[in-house]
Amino acid sequence: MRVQLLYILDCPWCVKTKKLIRESLEELGVEAGLEEILIDSDEKAEKYEFLGSPTVRINGKDIQEEVSKGQCLPCEEIVKYEQESTDFVKQECRCGCRIYFYKGNQYPYPPKEMIQEAIMKLISADQDL
């Protein structure tokens, strides 16, 4: 199993997402590497078909099929005040953060239960083969 975390620099939700992925794998007893991919240019965004930060993919498949974006306070701060942020990061922040919907609620990161369901769905599909 291959798990990827695609993110932009300064994303306030990526550290939490990485922690939730690791906890999910451990709790489910699944051995898998976590590949962290920093998206810091238009070229990388195109290469990885980047949908917004944070993005979680398992074996190349996004854990949420429908993608929504919205503005979050940390991104608004980055756009206005962060001098060190690259133009690409500021552009992404202006476009909006990735929003996850799970069981009727909205989150700025994928909740652990959503990550675990995606992992279990893949394991179940592999066992059916």
Protein backbone atom coordinates (compact mmCIF):
# COMPACT_ATOMS: atom_id res chain seq x y z
CA MET A 1 0.00 0.00 0.00
CA ARG A 2 1.27 3.45 -0.91
CA VAL A 3 0.01 6.53 0.93
CA GLN A 4 0.78 10.01 -0.30
CA LEU A 5 0.31 13.37 1.39
CA LEU A 6 0.44 16.26 -1.06
CA TYR A 7 0.71 19.69 0.52
CA ILE A 8 1.88 23.26 0.16
CA LEU A 9 4.44 24.88 2.42
CA ASP A 10 2.91 26.56 5.48
CA CYS A 11 -0.33 24.57 5.24
CA PRO A 12 -1.71 24.66 8.79
CA TRP A 13 -3.53 21.32 8.37
CA CYS A 14 -0.75 19.15 6.96
CA VAL A 15 0.96 18.27 10.24
CA LYS A 16 -2.38 17.14 11.68
CA THR A 17 -3.18 15.18 8.51
CA LYS A 18 0.20 13.42 8.62
CA LYS A 19 -0.40 12.48 12.27
CA LEU A 20 -3.88 11.12 11.45
CA ILE A 21 -2.53 9.04 8.56
CA ARG A 22 0.16 7.49 10.77
CA GLU A 23 -2.32 6.82 13.59
CA SER A 24 -4.78 5.26 11.14
CA LEU A 25 -2.18 2.91 9.67
CA GLU A 26 -0.98 1.91 13.14
CA GLU A 27 -4.47 1.36 14.56
CA LEU A 28 -5.45 -0.77 11.57
CA GLY A 29 -2.19 -2.72 11.67
CA VAL A 30 -1.33 -1.76 8.11
CA GLU A 31 2.27 -1.44 7.05
CA ALA A 32 2.66 1.28 4.46
CA GLY A 33 5.07 4.05 3.73
CA LEU A 34 3.96 7.65 3.79
CA GLU A 35 5.30 9.71 0.92
CA GLU A 36 5.18 13.44 1.60
CA ILE A 37 5.11 15.52 -1.57
CA LEU A 38 5.67 19.25 -1.28
CA ILE A 39 3.89 21.07 -4.07
CA ASP A 40 5.79 24.30 -4.54
CA SER A 41 5.41 25.13 -8.21
CA ASP A 42 2.88 25.12 -11.01
CA GLU A 43 4.90 22.36 -12.67
CA LYS A 44 4.63 20.06 -9.64
CA ALA A 45 0.95 20.90 -9.23
CA GLU A 46 0.34 19.83 -12.81
CA LYS A 47 2.57 16.74 -12.58
CA TYR A 48 0.74 15.45 -9.49
CA GLU A 49 -2.71 16.72 -10.53
CA PHE A 50 -2.80 18.63 -7.24
CA LEU A 51 -6.30 19.39 -5.97
CA GLY A 52 -5.45 21.42 -2.88
CA SER A 53 -3.70 21.15 0.44
CA PRO A 54 -3.77 18.73 2.13
CA THR A 55 -4.48 15.94 -0.34
CA VAL A 56 -4.33 12.28 0.71
CA ARG A 57 -4.07 9.50 -1.85
CA ILE A 58 -3.92 5.78 -1.28
CA ASN A 59 -2.41 3.79 -4.13
CA GLY A 60 -2.86 6.86 -6.30
CA LYS A 61 -6.56 7.30 -5.53
CA ASP A 62 -7.82 10.38 -3.70
CA ILE A 63 -9.68 9.49 -0.50
CA GLN A 64 -12.49 11.90 -1.42
CA GLU A 65 -13.89 11.84 -4.92
CA GLU A 66 -15.50 15.27 -4.95
CA VAL A 67 -13.20 18.20 -4.24
CA SER A 68 -14.23 21.52 -2.74
CA LYS A 69 -12.14 24.50 -1.77
CA GLY A 70 -12.66 27.37 0.62
CA GLN A 71 -10.75 30.06 2.45
CA CYS A 72 -9.35 29.45 5.94
CA LEU A 73 -8.04 32.05 8.37
CA PRO A 74 -4.40 30.81 8.31
CA CYS A 75 -4.36 31.09 4.51
CA GLU A 76 -5.81 34.58 4.65
CA GLU A 77 -2.98 35.51 7.03
CA ILE A 78 -0.36 33.99 4.71
CA VAL A 79 -1.67 35.94 1.73
CA LYS A 80 -1.72 39.23 3.66
CA TYR A 81 1.30 39.10 5.95
CA GLU A 82 3.79 36.30 5.20
CA GLN A 83 6.78 37.80 3.47
CA GLU A 84 8.72 34.51 3.23
CA SER A 85 5.98 32.55 1.46
CA THR A 86 6.55 31.88 -2.21
CA ASP A 87 4.30 33.31 -4.88
CA PHE A 88 3.02 29.77 -5.55
CA VAL A 89 1.95 29.31 -1.90
CA LYS A 90 0.25 32.70 -1.86
CA GLN A 91 -1.52 31.86 -5.11
CA GLU A 92 -2.75 28.54 -3.69
CA CYS A 93 -3.91 30.24 -0.51
CA ARG A 94 -5.84 32.79 -2.55
CA CYS A 95 -7.52 29.92 -4.45
CA GLY A 96 -8.59 28.33 -1.19
CA CYS A 97 -7.83 25.35 1.00
CA ARG A 98 -9.10 21.89 0.35
CA ILE A 99 -12.31 21.11 2.24
CA TYR A 100 -13.33 17.59 3.23
CA PHE A 101 -16.91 16.50 3.81
CA TYR A 102 -17.51 13.48 5.99
CA LYS A 103 -20.82 12.28 7.43
CA GLY A 104 -22.50 15.65 7.04
CA ASN A 105 -19.66 17.70 8.51
CA GLN A 106 -17.04 19.91 6.92
CA TYR A 107 -13.32 19.68 7.81
CA PRO A 108 -10.13 21.48 6.68
CA TYR A 109 -8.37 18.08 6.73
CA PRO A 110 -9.55 14.49 6.32
CA PRO A 111 -10.76 13.13 9.67
CA LYS A 112 -9.19 9.92 10.95
CA GLU A 113 -12.36 7.89 10.36
CA MET A 114 -12.40 8.97 6.71
CA ILE A 115 -8.76 7.95 6.28
CA GLN A 116 -9.41 4.59 7.95
CA GLU A 117 -12.47 3.93 5.79
CA ALA A 118 -10.40 4.60 2.64
CA ILE A 119 -7.70 2.20 3.84
CA MET A 120 -10.20 -0.51 4.75
CA LYS A 121 -12.02 -0.10 1.43
CA LEU A 122 -8.77 -0.69 -0.43
CA ILE A 123 -7.86 -3.71 1.72
CA SER A 124 -11.34 -5.14 1.17
CA ALA A 125 -11.12 -4.61 -2.61
CA ASP A 126 -7.70 -6.32 -2.69
CA GLN A 127 -9.07 -9.31 -0.78
CA ASP A 128 -11.95 -9.65 -3.26
CA LEU A 129 -9.48 -10.13 -6.13
